[in-house]
Every structure is written in structure tokens, then in C-alpha cells.
Amino acid sequence: MIHREGPALRLRLGVLVGVFTPELVDAVIAEHDRGERRRRLLPARLVVYFVLALCLFARESYEEVVRLLSTGVPGTMSLRRVNKSSLCRARARLGPEPLESLFRAVAGTLATEDTPGAFWRGLRLLAIDGTQIDIPDSLSNATTFDGPCLQDRTPTGFPQVRAVVLSEIGTHAVVDAEIGGWRDGEPGLAAPLARSVGPDSLVIADRGFWSSALFRDYHADQGASLLVRLPSNRLGRKQHDLADGTYLSQIMPNKQKMLRAKKEGRPFPKQMLFRVIPFLVDGKPWWLATTLLDPVKHPAEELINLYRQRWEIEMTFDEIKNHL
């Protein structure tokens, strides 16, 4: 057991309570009807703070997290009298929904116009990418989320969740996220994140994310601009060349995909025009797709340099997984 006292601990727990205020926590508990119905049960507000503290002190035992929390957060001393099995049952009663609502309530952009590297030509720079996170090797986790395995389904590692994250490049703030299982595709998890972008956003993504659905969800529906690396087989149908060496192209979904989208009430736009920016990396051809069609207002060289900023989201993952 590692005892950590002093200003650093108080600062971390103070920030925890400052961001997730008791009023916000109580409102989320009420929204999901997770309030305790018997006096003997551990108060739901304390359970929320306990789960949040588990994230801050992920390498510590339940007992140590309880001790740290009870010394740094007012009103949590009663946790010290609770055993580990009671905490497990309390977490099960709370469920994941209140924690997701808390995340939705506080997540968002942080950059101002003065934040270095956060904006380009009036557009807020956002990156989207996926990552995998190991979770405890239990039967329920393996059944729910799955994980790496051999062809005969023999596990070769821990179960994993797949997270697709929308991050602000200038601040590394997590703007939005979707969680799925190891077998869930990143493009499918990325689709709901369109709810967190708008006309002032430039969303940058690596290859594998580009599709007619991405164009529709992010650009046509939400008005966000896109800058995505293209695989060589998704260059679209070329329309005409532009003076700077780029060219306009068009996405053409197949008929089956168009019919399915129309049946779901989310048809594709009649015209899905984008600009292809070819360039070389170590002598090999690469391509970028962007919905910024004007080569004068949005020069290709600047967009190529901007694409490299996508790697800032890897720093976001590093901060969460290794340093938080």
C-alpha cells in the first residue's frame, strides 16, 4: 500500500470535486434513478466519487483509494467503514449510465483563440482516432468485449475495449468518445461522434475512416470540414483538375448502401464532392481528402502540414493510459 499525502493529493482530489460538483453528481444520479432506497446502502454520491477516484489512482487497491478519497474529499469518511464486497455491490447498483452522463456533461473543447495550435484559418482543429484498452480478465468482460485470440477463439491476451475518441488538437482535451468491444469497427464507433462537431470544426483522421457515411454525418449533416488520409482504392470518381495540382473528386456509394441509407431515413447527399491532395512521403504516393475545395483559401501545403498534427491525439492517449 502506497501512502500519498500533501498538496499534490489535495490538488488532484480538489480538481475532481471542482469539475464533478456534488450538485452535478446528484443531478445525474436522480436522472438515472440510482438513489439509494434503503438507509443501510452506501450513498450513491459517494460511490460516484469512489469510481472517479479509481480512475485517478488506477494502480492502487480499493482500500488505498478509499483512504485517499476519505482524506481529501469532504463527506467521504463513511467509506472507510465499508468493505471491498460492499463497494463491488455498490458499483454494480450504480451501473455505467451515470458515469457516461457525467462525462457528457463535462467533456468538450477548452481552447480559446489564443491557444497555440488550436485553430487554423478560423477552424478549430480536432482529431479522431481509436485505441484499445486492456480490462480485467473476467468471464463477463471476455463475453461482453472479447479480445485478441487465435482462429479457434483461444484467448491470447486480456479482454479489450475499443475506444474511438474525438480530441482537441491544441489542448488534448477529449471532446467526445464512444466505447465498444474489441471486434467493433472504428468507423462505426466514430459515427455518433459527429454530434460534437460543427461548422467551425476541421476534423482530421487517418485512413480507414474515410467513407460516404463520414462525409454525410460530419460534413453534410453537421457542417464540419474534413481532412482525412485516403487509401489508394478510395480516391473517388475524378471530376476535374485544379491549378495547384489537386483535383476534385466525387464519392459514389453503391446502390445497396444508398437504398439501405434511404430506408433508415438518412439518405446520402445527391452530390458528395471532395478535393484530393496528392503528395509524396519518402518517395511513396499519399493522398488526402478534404471538403475544403478552394485551393486559394485553403492551400494544399498547409493542409498537408496540418494532417501531421493528427498525431497529437496519440499524445492524448499516452496521457490517459500512462500518465493520468
C-alpha atoms as a PDB file:
ATOM      1  CA  MET A   1       0.000   0.000   0.000  1.00  0.00           C
ATOM      2  CA  ILE A   2       1.422   3.375  -1.019  1.00  0.00           C
ATOM      3  CA  HIS A   3       0.543   6.379   1.143  1.00  0.00           C
ATOM      4  CA  ARG A   4       0.414   9.669  -0.718  1.00  0.00           C
ATOM      5  CA  GLU A   5      -0.197  12.825   1.243  1.00  0.00           C
ATOM      6  CA  GLY A   6       0.389  16.521   0.771  1.00  0.00           C
ATOM      7  CA  PRO A   7      -0.517  19.305  -1.683  1.00  0.00           C
ATOM      8  CA  ALA A   8      -0.377  17.157  -4.830  1.00  0.00           C
ATOM      9  CA  LEU A   9      -3.008  14.756  -3.492  1.00  0.00           C
ATOM     10  CA  ARG A  10      -5.244  17.585  -2.311  1.00  0.00           C
ATOM     11  CA  LEU A  11      -4.896  19.291  -5.683  1.00  0.00           C
ATOM     12  CA  ARG A  12      -5.946  16.171  -7.634  1.00  0.00           C
ATOM     13  CA  LEU A  13      -8.928  15.474  -5.407  1.00  0.00           C
ATOM     14  CA  GLY A  14      -9.820  19.157  -5.311  1.00  0.00           C
ATOM     15  CA  VAL A  15      -9.917  19.255  -9.100  1.00  0.00           C
ATOM     16  CA  LEU A  16     -12.060  16.105  -9.065  1.00  0.00           C
ATOM     17  CA  VAL A  17     -14.696  17.743  -6.849  1.00  0.00           C
ATOM     18  CA  GLY A  18     -14.362  21.062  -8.673  1.00  0.00           C
ATOM     19  CA  VAL A  19     -15.144  19.508 -12.055  1.00  0.00           C
ATOM     20  CA  PHE A  20     -17.668  16.933 -10.856  1.00  0.00           C
ATOM     21  CA  THR A  21     -19.520  19.091  -8.341  1.00  0.00           C
ATOM     22  CA  PRO A  22     -21.845  17.457  -5.784  1.00  0.00           C
ATOM     23  CA  GLU A  23     -24.779  19.230  -7.457  1.00  0.00           C
ATOM     24  CA  LEU A  24     -23.883  17.727 -10.854  1.00  0.00           C
ATOM     25  CA  VAL A  25     -23.352  14.265  -9.363  1.00  0.00           C
ATOM     26  CA  ASP A  26     -26.702  14.401  -7.546  1.00  0.00           C
ATOM     27  CA  ALA A  27     -28.484  15.546 -10.716  1.00  0.00           C
ATOM     28  CA  VAL A  28     -27.061  12.643 -12.728  1.00  0.00           C
ATOM     29  CA  ILE A  29     -27.966  10.148 -10.009  1.00  0.00           C
ATOM     30  CA  ALA A  30     -31.543  11.467  -9.990  1.00  0.00           C
ATOM     31  CA  GLU A  31     -31.706  11.415 -13.803  1.00  0.00           C
ATOM     32  CA  HIS A  32     -30.931   7.688 -13.829  1.00  0.00           C
ATOM     33  CA  ASP A  33     -32.863   6.896 -10.633  1.00  0.00           C
ATOM     34  CA  ARG A  34     -29.803   5.472  -8.894  1.00  0.00           C
ATOM     35  CA  GLY A  35     -30.500   6.974  -5.449  1.00  0.00           C
ATOM     36  CA  GLU A  36     -30.281   4.580  -2.510  1.00  0.00           C
ATOM     37  CA  ARG A  37     -33.695   3.221  -1.469  1.00  0.00           C
ATOM     38  CA  ARG A  38     -32.578   1.793   1.877  1.00  0.00           C
ATOM     39  CA  ARG A  39     -30.781   3.690   4.614  1.00  0.00           C
ATOM     40  CA  ARG A  40     -28.240   0.893   5.040  1.00  0.00           C
ATOM     41  CA  LEU A  41     -26.968   1.226   1.452  1.00  0.00           C
ATOM     42  CA  LEU A  42     -23.890   3.266   0.637  1.00  0.00           C
ATOM     43  CA  PRO A  43     -24.935   6.726  -0.672  1.00  0.00           C
ATOM     44  CA  ALA A  44     -24.798   6.848  -4.468  1.00  0.00           C
ATOM     45  CA  ARG A  45     -22.907  10.156  -4.441  1.00  0.00           C
ATOM     46  CA  LEU A  46     -20.044   8.549  -2.501  1.00  0.00           C
ATOM     47  CA  VAL A  47     -19.985   5.620  -4.921  1.00  0.00           C
ATOM     48  CA  VAL A  48     -19.656   8.013  -7.872  1.00  0.00           C
ATOM     49  CA  TYR A  49     -16.695   9.765  -6.271  1.00  0.00           C
ATOM     50  CA  PHE A  50     -15.160   6.398  -5.417  1.00  0.00           C
ATOM     51  CA  VAL A  51     -15.383   5.250  -9.061  1.00  0.00           C
ATOM     52  CA  LEU A  52     -13.915   8.548 -10.270  1.00  0.00           C
ATOM     53  CA  ALA A  53     -11.081   8.224  -7.755  1.00  0.00           C
ATOM     54  CA  LEU A  54     -10.357   4.726  -9.103  1.00  0.00           C
ATOM     55  CA  CYS A  55      -9.515   6.442 -12.399  1.00  0.00           C
ATOM     56  CA  LEU A  56      -7.184   8.957 -10.714  1.00  0.00           C
ATOM     57  CA  PHE A  57      -5.407   6.242  -8.723  1.00  0.00           C
ATOM     58  CA  ALA A  58      -5.716   3.331 -11.130  1.00  0.00           C
ATOM     59  CA  ARG A  59      -2.746   1.392  -9.737  1.00  0.00           C
ATOM     60  CA  GLU A  60      -3.987   1.408  -6.144  1.00  0.00           C
ATOM     61  CA  SER A  61      -6.139  -1.117  -4.278  1.00  0.00           C
ATOM     62  CA  TYR A  62      -9.751  -0.425  -3.289  1.00  0.00           C
ATOM     63  CA  GLU A  63      -8.607   0.096   0.309  1.00  0.00           C
ATOM     64  CA  GLU A  64      -5.948   2.662  -0.619  1.00  0.00           C
ATOM     65  CA  VAL A  65      -8.317   4.562  -2.935  1.00  0.00           C
ATOM     66  CA  VAL A  66     -10.877   4.708  -0.124  1.00  0.00           C
ATOM     67  CA  ARG A  67      -8.210   6.045   2.252  1.00  0.00           C
ATOM     68  CA  LEU A  68      -7.031   8.690  -0.221  1.00  0.00           C
ATOM     69  CA  LEU A  69     -10.583   9.741  -1.021  1.00  0.00           C
ATOM     70  CA  SER A  70     -11.649   9.980   2.618  1.00  0.00           C
ATOM     71  CA  THR A  71      -8.678  12.211   3.456  1.00  0.00           C
ATOM     72  CA  GLY A  72      -9.160  14.581   0.527  1.00  0.00           C
ATOM     73  CA  VAL A  73     -12.898  14.863  -0.231  1.00  0.00           C
ATOM     74  CA  PRO A  74     -15.303  16.225   2.395  1.00  0.00           C
ATOM     75  CA  GLY A  75     -18.142  13.902   3.398  1.00  0.00           C
ATOM     76  CA  THR A  76     -16.460  10.655   2.342  1.00  0.00           C
ATOM     77  CA  MET A  77     -15.191   9.467   5.747  1.00  0.00           C
ATOM     78  CA  SER A  78     -18.004   6.882   5.905  1.00  0.00           C
ATOM     79  CA  LEU A  79     -16.301   4.999   3.050  1.00  0.00           C
ATOM     80  CA  ARG A  80     -13.609   3.865   5.490  1.00  0.00           C
ATOM     81  CA  ARG A  81     -16.104   1.596   7.252  1.00  0.00           C
ATOM     82  CA  VAL A  82     -17.123  -0.190   4.028  1.00  0.00           C
ATOM     83  CA  ASN A  83     -15.567  -3.485   2.992  1.00  0.00           C
ATOM     84  CA  LYS A  84     -14.491  -4.416  -0.535  1.00  0.00           C
ATOM     85  CA  SER A  85     -17.506  -6.638  -1.306  1.00  0.00           C
ATOM     86  CA  SER A  86     -19.895  -3.823  -0.351  1.00  0.00           C
ATOM     87  CA  LEU A  87     -18.056  -1.471  -2.709  1.00  0.00           C
ATOM     88  CA  CYS A  88     -18.353  -4.030  -5.535  1.00  0.00           C
ATOM     89  CA  ARG A  89     -22.097  -4.344  -4.976  1.00  0.00           C
ATOM     90  CA  ALA A  90     -22.449  -0.560  -4.802  1.00  0.00           C
ATOM     91  CA  ARG A  91     -20.643  -0.185  -8.141  1.00  0.00           C
ATOM     92  CA  ALA A  92     -22.974  -2.764  -9.698  1.00  0.00           C
ATOM     93  CA  ARG A  93     -26.037  -0.880  -8.403  1.00  0.00           C
ATOM     94  CA  LEU A  94     -24.698   2.393  -9.797  1.00  0.00           C
ATOM     95  CA  GLY A  95     -24.078   0.955 -13.268  1.00  0.00           C
ATOM     96  CA  PRO A  96     -22.313   2.685 -16.171  1.00  0.00           C
ATOM     97  CA  GLU A  97     -25.055   5.136 -17.235  1.00  0.00           C
ATOM     98  CA  PRO A  98     -24.478   7.821 -14.564  1.00  0.00           C
ATOM     99  CA  LEU A  99     -20.748   7.833 -15.323  1.00  0.00           C
ATOM    100  CA  GLU A 100     -21.419   8.271 -19.039  1.00  0.00           C
ATOM    101  CA  SER A 101     -23.790  11.156 -18.303  1.00  0.00           C
ATOM    102  CA  LEU A 102     -21.137  12.790 -16.107  1.00  0.00           C
ATOM    103  CA  PHE A 103     -18.656  12.509 -18.952  1.00  0.00           C
ATOM    104  CA  ARG A 104     -21.113  14.025 -21.439  1.00  0.00           C
ATOM    105  CA  ALA A 105     -21.796  16.880 -19.010  1.00  0.00           C
ATOM    106  CA  VAL A 106     -18.174  17.978 -18.622  1.00  0.00           C
ATOM    107  CA  ALA A 107     -16.413  16.894 -21.840  1.00  0.00           C
ATOM    108  CA  GLY A 108     -15.890  19.492 -24.539  1.00  0.00           C
ATOM    109  CA  THR A 109     -13.437  21.886 -26.142  1.00  0.00           C
ATOM    110  CA  LEU A 110     -11.123  24.019 -23.991  1.00  0.00           C
ATOM    111  CA  ALA A 111      -9.090  26.113 -26.427  1.00  0.00           C
ATOM    112  CA  THR A 112      -9.512  29.842 -26.863  1.00  0.00           C
ATOM    113  CA  GLU A 113      -8.372  31.867 -29.857  1.00  0.00           C
ATOM    114  CA  ASP A 114      -5.062  32.432 -28.053  1.00  0.00           C
ATOM    115  CA  THR A 115      -4.314  28.723 -27.530  1.00  0.00           C
ATOM    116  CA  PRO A 116      -1.282  27.762 -29.661  1.00  0.00           C
ATOM    117  CA  GLY A 117      -2.020  25.194 -32.369  1.00  0.00           C
ATOM    118  CA  ALA A 118      -5.759  25.048 -31.674  1.00  0.00           C
ATOM    119  CA  PHE A 119      -7.092  26.885 -34.751  1.00  0.00           C
ATOM    120  CA  TRP A 120      -6.262  27.209 -38.424  1.00  0.00           C
ATOM    121  CA  ARG A 121      -7.868  29.887 -40.599  1.00  0.00           C
ATOM    122  CA  GLY A 122     -10.794  30.185 -38.166  1.00  0.00           C
ATOM    123  CA  LEU A 123     -11.366  26.423 -37.849  1.00  0.00           C
ATOM    124  CA  ARG A 124     -10.995  24.552 -34.561  1.00  0.00           C
ATOM    125  CA  LEU A 125      -8.658  21.594 -35.085  1.00  0.00           C
ATOM    126  CA  LEU A 126      -9.990  18.228 -33.903  1.00  0.00           C
ATOM    127  CA  ALA A 127      -8.580  14.735 -34.390  1.00  0.00           C
ATOM    128  CA  ILE A 128     -10.355  11.410 -34.363  1.00  0.00           C
ATOM    129  CA  ASP A 129      -8.774   8.005 -33.811  1.00  0.00           C
ATOM    130  CA  GLY A 130      -9.197   4.731 -31.954  1.00  0.00           C
ATOM    131  CA  THR A 131      -7.297   2.885 -29.265  1.00  0.00           C
ATOM    132  CA  GLN A 132      -7.587  -0.363 -27.296  1.00  0.00           C
ATOM    133  CA  ILE A 133      -7.529  -0.624 -23.509  1.00  0.00           C
ATOM    134  CA  ASP A 134      -6.918  -3.821 -21.542  1.00  0.00           C
ATOM    135  CA  ILE A 135      -9.562  -4.658 -18.946  1.00  0.00           C
ATOM    136  CA  PRO A 136      -9.621  -7.295 -16.142  1.00  0.00           C
ATOM    137  CA  ASP A 137      -9.595 -10.884 -17.345  1.00  0.00           C
ATOM    138  CA  SER A 138     -13.035 -11.968 -16.148  1.00  0.00           C
ATOM    139  CA  LEU A 139     -15.581 -14.174 -17.868  1.00  0.00           C
ATOM    140  CA  SER A 140     -18.128 -11.354 -18.093  1.00  0.00           C
ATOM    141  CA  ASN A 141     -15.585  -8.979 -19.666  1.00  0.00           C
ATOM    142  CA  ALA A 142     -14.458 -11.636 -22.126  1.00  0.00           C
ATOM    143  CA  THR A 143     -18.073 -12.368 -23.080  1.00  0.00           C
ATOM    144  CA  THR A 144     -19.077  -8.736 -23.399  1.00  0.00           C
ATOM    145  CA  PHE A 145     -15.999  -7.209 -25.039  1.00  0.00           C
ATOM    146  CA  ASP A 146     -13.885 -10.116 -26.380  1.00  0.00           C
ATOM    147  CA  GLY A 147     -10.179  -9.703 -27.079  1.00  0.00           C
ATOM    148  CA  PRO A 148      -7.229 -10.934 -29.142  1.00  0.00           C
ATOM    149  CA  CYS A 149      -7.480 -14.661 -29.871  1.00  0.00           C
ATOM    150  CA  LEU A 150      -6.373 -17.462 -32.178  1.00  0.00           C
ATOM    151  CA  GLN A 151      -8.505 -18.800 -35.029  1.00  0.00           C
ATOM    152  CA  ASP A 152     -10.072 -21.346 -32.683  1.00  0.00           C
ATOM    153  CA  ARG A 153     -11.058 -18.445 -30.345  1.00  0.00           C
ATOM    154  CA  THR A 154      -8.399 -19.298 -27.754  1.00  0.00           C
ATOM    155  CA  PRO A 155      -7.625 -16.000 -25.992  1.00  0.00           C
ATOM    156  CA  THR A 156      -4.095 -14.648 -26.425  1.00  0.00           C
ATOM    157  CA  GLY A 157      -4.397 -11.697 -24.068  1.00  0.00           C
ATOM    158  CA  PHE A 158      -6.658  -9.706 -21.812  1.00  0.00           C
ATOM    159  CA  PRO A 159     -10.154  -8.664 -22.956  1.00  0.00           C
ATOM    160  CA  GLN A 160     -10.093  -5.212 -24.501  1.00  0.00           C
ATOM    161  CA  VAL A 161     -12.444  -2.318 -25.038  1.00  0.00           C
ATOM    162  CA  ARG A 162     -12.088  -0.272 -28.194  1.00  0.00           C
ATOM    163  CA  ALA A 163     -12.452   3.473 -27.739  1.00  0.00           C
ATOM    164  CA  VAL A 164     -12.825   5.960 -30.585  1.00  0.00           C
ATOM    165  CA  VAL A 165     -12.045   9.461 -29.359  1.00  0.00           C
ATOM    166  CA  LEU A 166     -12.613  12.974 -30.690  1.00  0.00           C
ATOM    167  CA  SER A 167      -9.835  15.169 -29.283  1.00  0.00           C
ATOM    168  CA  GLU A 168      -8.986  18.851 -29.492  1.00  0.00           C
ATOM    169  CA  ILE A 169      -5.514  19.109 -31.010  1.00  0.00           C
ATOM    170  CA  GLY A 170      -4.421  22.298 -29.247  1.00  0.00           C
ATOM    171  CA  THR A 171      -5.290  21.138 -25.718  1.00  0.00           C
ATOM    172  CA  HIS A 172      -5.532  17.316 -25.941  1.00  0.00           C
ATOM    173  CA  ALA A 173      -8.998  17.637 -24.374  1.00  0.00           C
ATOM    174  CA  VAL A 174     -11.275  14.656 -25.000  1.00  0.00           C
ATOM    175  CA  VAL A 175     -14.313  16.255 -26.642  1.00  0.00           C
ATOM    176  CA  ASP A 176     -16.311  13.041 -27.082  1.00  0.00           C
ATOM    177  CA  ALA A 177     -15.798   9.274 -27.107  1.00  0.00           C
ATOM    178  CA  GLU A 178     -17.560   6.037 -27.924  1.00  0.00           C
ATOM    179  CA  ILE A 179     -16.725   2.706 -26.279  1.00  0.00           C
ATOM    180  CA  GLY A 180     -17.197  -0.687 -27.897  1.00  0.00           C
ATOM    181  CA  GLY A 181     -15.808  -4.204 -27.896  1.00  0.00           C
ATOM    182  CA  TRP A 182     -12.583  -5.458 -29.396  1.00  0.00           C
ATOM    183  CA  ARG A 183     -14.362  -6.590 -32.586  1.00  0.00           C
ATOM    184  CA  ASP A 184     -16.252  -3.322 -33.147  1.00  0.00           C
ATOM    185  CA  GLY A 185     -15.026  -1.303 -36.118  1.00  0.00           C
ATOM    186  CA  GLU A 186     -13.621   2.167 -35.564  1.00  0.00           C
ATOM    187  CA  PRO A 187     -15.644   3.799 -38.396  1.00  0.00           C
ATOM    188  CA  GLY A 188     -18.889   2.578 -36.804  1.00  0.00           C
ATOM    189  CA  LEU A 189     -17.889   3.892 -33.377  1.00  0.00           C
ATOM    190  CA  ALA A 190     -16.843   7.205 -34.953  1.00  0.00           C
ATOM    191  CA  ALA A 191     -20.283   7.885 -36.472  1.00  0.00           C
ATOM    192  CA  PRO A 192     -22.025   9.089 -33.255  1.00  0.00           C
ATOM    193  CA  LEU A 193     -19.160  11.498 -32.515  1.00  0.00           C
ATOM    194  CA  ALA A 194     -20.472  13.747 -35.288  1.00  0.00           C
ATOM    195  CA  ARG A 195     -22.845  15.138 -32.625  1.00  0.00           C
ATOM    196  CA  SER A 196     -19.875  17.054 -31.137  1.00  0.00           C
ATOM    197  CA  VAL A 197     -18.645  18.896 -34.240  1.00  0.00           C
ATOM    198  CA  GLY A 198     -19.964  21.904 -36.112  1.00  0.00           C
ATOM    199  CA  PRO A 199     -19.249  24.394 -38.906  1.00  0.00           C
ATOM    200  CA  ASP A 200     -16.261  25.810 -37.003  1.00  0.00           C
ATOM    201  CA  SER A 201     -14.519  22.393 -36.855  1.00  0.00           C
ATOM    202  CA  LEU A 202     -11.837  20.810 -39.012  1.00  0.00           C
ATOM    203  CA  VAL A 203     -11.771  17.084 -38.211  1.00  0.00           C
ATOM    204  CA  ILE A 204      -8.533  15.274 -39.086  1.00  0.00           C
ATOM    205  CA  ALA A 205      -8.382  11.474 -39.325  1.00  0.00           C
ATOM    206  CA  ASP A 206      -6.136   8.718 -40.610  1.00  0.00           C
ATOM    207  CA  ARG A 207      -7.040   6.371 -43.452  1.00  0.00           C
ATOM    208  CA  GLY A 208      -9.679   3.818 -42.605  1.00  0.00           C
ATOM    209  CA  PHE A 209     -12.179   6.469 -41.521  1.00  0.00           C
ATOM    210  CA  TRP A 210     -12.974   7.947 -44.946  1.00  0.00           C
ATOM    211  CA  SER A 211     -16.375   6.903 -46.314  1.00  0.00           C
ATOM    212  CA  SER A 212     -19.623   8.237 -47.695  1.00  0.00           C
ATOM    213  CA  ALA A 213     -21.122   7.854 -44.204  1.00  0.00           C
ATOM    214  CA  LEU A 214     -18.351  10.009 -42.681  1.00  0.00           C
ATOM    215  CA  PHE A 215     -18.960  12.679 -45.353  1.00  0.00           C
ATOM    216  CA  ARG A 216     -22.706  12.638 -44.644  1.00  0.00           C
ATOM    217  CA  ASP A 217     -22.534  12.521 -40.837  1.00  0.00           C
ATOM    218  CA  TYR A 218     -19.806  15.085 -40.274  1.00  0.00           C
ATOM    219  CA  HIS A 219     -19.888  17.384 -43.285  1.00  0.00           C
ATOM    220  CA  ALA A 220     -23.343  17.288 -44.864  1.00  0.00           C
ATOM    221  CA  ASP A 221     -25.294  16.992 -41.596  1.00  0.00           C
ATOM    222  CA  GLN A 222     -23.106  18.912 -39.123  1.00  0.00           C
ATOM    223  CA  GLY A 223     -21.240  21.299 -41.437  1.00  0.00           C
ATOM    224  CA  ALA A 224     -17.766  20.277 -40.212  1.00  0.00           C
ATOM    225  CA  SER A 225     -14.795  20.285 -42.570  1.00  0.00           C
ATOM    226  CA  LEU A 226     -12.809  17.083 -43.047  1.00  0.00           C
ATOM    227  CA  LEU A 227      -9.155  16.267 -43.695  1.00  0.00           C
ATOM    228  CA  VAL A 228      -8.601  12.514 -43.974  1.00  0.00           C
ATOM    229  CA  ARG A 229      -5.868  10.356 -45.405  1.00  0.00           C
ATOM    230  CA  LEU A 230      -7.104   8.221 -48.312  1.00  0.00           C
ATOM    231  CA  PRO A 231      -6.187   4.651 -49.206  1.00  0.00           C
ATOM    232  CA  SER A 232      -5.384   4.269 -52.901  1.00  0.00           C
ATOM    233  CA  ASN A 233      -8.683   2.466 -53.598  1.00  0.00           C
ATOM    234  CA  ARG A 234     -10.889   5.299 -52.262  1.00  0.00           C
ATOM    235  CA  LEU A 235      -9.902   8.217 -54.446  1.00  0.00           C
ATOM    236  CA  GLY A 236     -13.441   8.530 -55.802  1.00  0.00           C
ATOM    237  CA  ARG A 237     -14.517   9.470 -59.312  1.00  0.00           C
ATOM    238  CA  LYS A 238     -12.313  12.283 -60.602  1.00  0.00           C
ATOM    239  CA  GLN A 239     -14.208  15.390 -61.782  1.00  0.00           C
ATOM    240  CA  HIS A 240     -11.592  17.953 -62.809  1.00  0.00           C
ATOM    241  CA  ASP A 241      -8.074  19.209 -62.019  1.00  0.00           C
ATOM    242  CA  LEU A 242      -7.309  22.331 -60.014  1.00  0.00           C
ATOM    243  CA  ALA A 243      -4.488  24.805 -60.640  1.00  0.00           C
ATOM    244  CA  ASP A 244      -2.431  23.775 -57.579  1.00  0.00           C
ATOM    245  CA  GLY A 245      -2.085  20.129 -58.618  1.00  0.00           C
ATOM    246  CA  THR A 246      -5.024  18.913 -56.543  1.00  0.00           C
ATOM    247  CA  TYR A 247      -8.294  17.788 -58.076  1.00  0.00           C
ATOM    248  CA  LEU A 248     -11.976  17.459 -57.285  1.00  0.00           C
ATOM    249  CA  SER A 249     -13.473  14.008 -56.943  1.00  0.00           C
ATOM    250  CA  GLN A 250     -16.818  12.519 -56.011  1.00  0.00           C
ATOM    251  CA  ILE A 251     -17.885   9.732 -53.672  1.00  0.00           C
ATOM    252  CA  MET A 252     -20.251   7.269 -55.312  1.00  0.00           C
ATOM    253  CA  PRO A 253     -21.848   4.870 -52.775  1.00  0.00           C
ATOM    254  CA  ASN A 254     -23.074   1.610 -54.243  1.00  0.00           C
ATOM    255  CA  LYS A 255     -26.809   1.195 -54.827  1.00  0.00           C
ATOM    256  CA  GLN A 256     -27.274  -1.231 -51.958  1.00  0.00           C
ATOM    257  CA  LYS A 257     -25.736   1.206 -49.474  1.00  0.00           C
ATOM    258  CA  MET A 258     -27.835   4.068 -50.862  1.00  0.00           C
ATOM    259  CA  LEU A 259     -31.061   2.080 -50.573  1.00  0.00           C
ATOM    260  CA  ARG A 260     -30.270   0.994 -47.030  1.00  0.00           C
ATOM    261  CA  ALA A 261     -29.468   4.582 -46.006  1.00  0.00           C
ATOM    262  CA  LYS A 262     -32.709   5.834 -47.559  1.00  0.00           C
ATOM    263  CA  LYS A 263     -34.718   3.133 -45.778  1.00  0.00           C
ATOM    264  CA  GLU A 264     -33.123   4.172 -42.467  1.00  0.00           C
ATOM    265  CA  GLY A 265     -34.196   7.765 -43.090  1.00  0.00           C
ATOM    266  CA  ARG A 266     -30.621   9.010 -43.535  1.00  0.00           C
ATOM    267  CA  PRO A 267     -30.084   9.299 -47.291  1.00  0.00           C
ATOM    268  CA  PHE A 268     -26.786  10.407 -48.748  1.00  0.00           C
ATOM    269  CA  PRO A 269     -26.483  13.863 -50.338  1.00  0.00           C
ATOM    270  CA  LYS A 270     -27.023  13.868 -54.089  1.00  0.00           C
ATOM    271  CA  GLN A 271     -23.538  15.264 -54.634  1.00  0.00           C
ATOM    272  CA  MET A 272     -20.588  14.388 -52.376  1.00  0.00           C
ATOM    273  CA  LEU A 273     -17.729  16.405 -53.797  1.00  0.00           C
ATOM    274  CA  PHE A 274     -14.294  16.481 -52.173  1.00  0.00           C
ATOM    275  CA  ARG A 275     -10.775  17.572 -53.021  1.00  0.00           C
ATOM    276  CA  VAL A 276      -7.890  15.120 -53.370  1.00  0.00           C
ATOM    277  CA  ILE A 277      -4.412  16.311 -52.388  1.00  0.00           C
ATOM    278  CA  PRO A 278      -1.647  14.013 -53.686  1.00  0.00           C
ATOM    279  CA  PHE A 279       1.835  14.243 -52.135  1.00  0.00           C
ATOM    280  CA  LEU A 280       4.927  12.106 -51.512  1.00  0.00           C
ATOM    281  CA  VAL A 281       6.261  10.648 -48.275  1.00  0.00           C
ATOM    282  CA  ASP A 282       9.725   9.106 -48.620  1.00  0.00           C
ATOM    283  CA  GLY A 283       9.104   8.838 -52.361  1.00  0.00           C
ATOM    284  CA  LYS A 284       5.809   6.991 -51.931  1.00  0.00           C
ATOM    285  CA  PRO A 285       2.449   8.483 -53.019  1.00  0.00           C
ATOM    286  CA  TRP A 286      -0.047   9.525 -50.332  1.00  0.00           C
ATOM    287  CA  TRP A 287      -3.431  11.191 -50.746  1.00  0.00           C
ATOM    288  CA  LEU A 288      -5.550  13.403 -48.527  1.00  0.00           C
ATOM    289  CA  ALA A 289      -9.279  14.032 -48.908  1.00  0.00           C
ATOM    290  CA  THR A 290     -10.719  17.338 -47.758  1.00  0.00           C
ATOM    291  CA  THR A 291     -14.073  19.057 -48.004  1.00  0.00           C
ATOM    292  CA  LEU A 292     -12.204  22.398 -48.252  1.00  0.00           C
ATOM    293  CA  LEU A 293     -12.448  22.778 -52.007  1.00  0.00           C
ATOM    294  CA  ASP A 294     -10.895  26.204 -52.640  1.00  0.00           C
ATOM    295  CA  PRO A 295      -7.129  25.902 -53.264  1.00  0.00           C
ATOM    296  CA  VAL A 296      -6.611  29.640 -52.712  1.00  0.00           C
ATOM    297  CA  LYS A 297      -8.391  29.891 -49.347  1.00  0.00           C
ATOM    298  CA  HIS A 298      -7.029  26.557 -48.149  1.00  0.00           C
ATOM    299  CA  PRO A 299      -3.588  25.886 -49.685  1.00  0.00           C
ATOM    300  CA  ALA A 300      -2.598  22.259 -50.169  1.00  0.00           C
ATOM    301  CA  GLU A 301       0.820  22.627 -48.494  1.00  0.00           C
ATOM    302  CA  GLU A 302      -0.776  23.989 -45.344  1.00  0.00           C
ATOM    303  CA  LEU A 303      -3.292  21.141 -45.277  1.00  0.00           C
ATOM    304  CA  ILE A 304      -0.509  18.567 -45.687  1.00  0.00           C
ATOM    305  CA  ASN A 305       1.289  20.093 -42.708  1.00  0.00           C
ATOM    306  CA  LEU A 306      -1.972  20.158 -40.744  1.00  0.00           C
ATOM    307  CA  TYR A 307      -2.522  16.461 -41.331  1.00  0.00           C
ATOM    308  CA  ARG A 308       0.673  15.763 -39.404  1.00  0.00           C
ATOM    309  CA  GLN A 309      -0.949  17.420 -36.367  1.00  0.00           C
ATOM    310  CA  ARG A 310      -3.270  14.402 -36.177  1.00  0.00           C
ATOM    311  CA  TRP A 311      -0.516  12.715 -34.188  1.00  0.00           C
ATOM    312  CA  GLU A 312      -1.364  14.968 -31.241  1.00  0.00           C
ATOM    313  CA  ILE A 313      -4.199  12.559 -30.443  1.00  0.00           C
ATOM    314  CA  GLU A 314      -1.572   9.885 -29.761  1.00  0.00           C
ATOM    315  CA  MET A 315      -0.289  12.188 -27.027  1.00  0.00           C
ATOM    316  CA  THR A 316      -3.824  12.309 -25.650  1.00  0.00           C
ATOM    317  CA  PHE A 317      -3.910   8.508 -25.473  1.00  0.00           C
ATOM    318  CA  ASP A 318      -0.457   8.456 -23.882  1.00  0.00           C
ATOM    319  CA  GLU A 319      -1.523  10.948 -21.218  1.00  0.00           C
ATOM    320  CA  ILE A 320      -4.645   8.932 -20.348  1.00  0.00           C
ATOM    321  CA  LYS A 321      -3.105   5.463 -20.437  1.00  0.00           C
ATOM    322  CA  ASN A 322       0.360   6.094 -18.992  1.00  0.00           C
ATOM    323  CA  HIS A 323       0.445   9.358 -17.032  1.00  0.00           C
ATOM    324  CA  LEU A 324      -3.020  10.099 -15.609  1.00  0.00           C
END
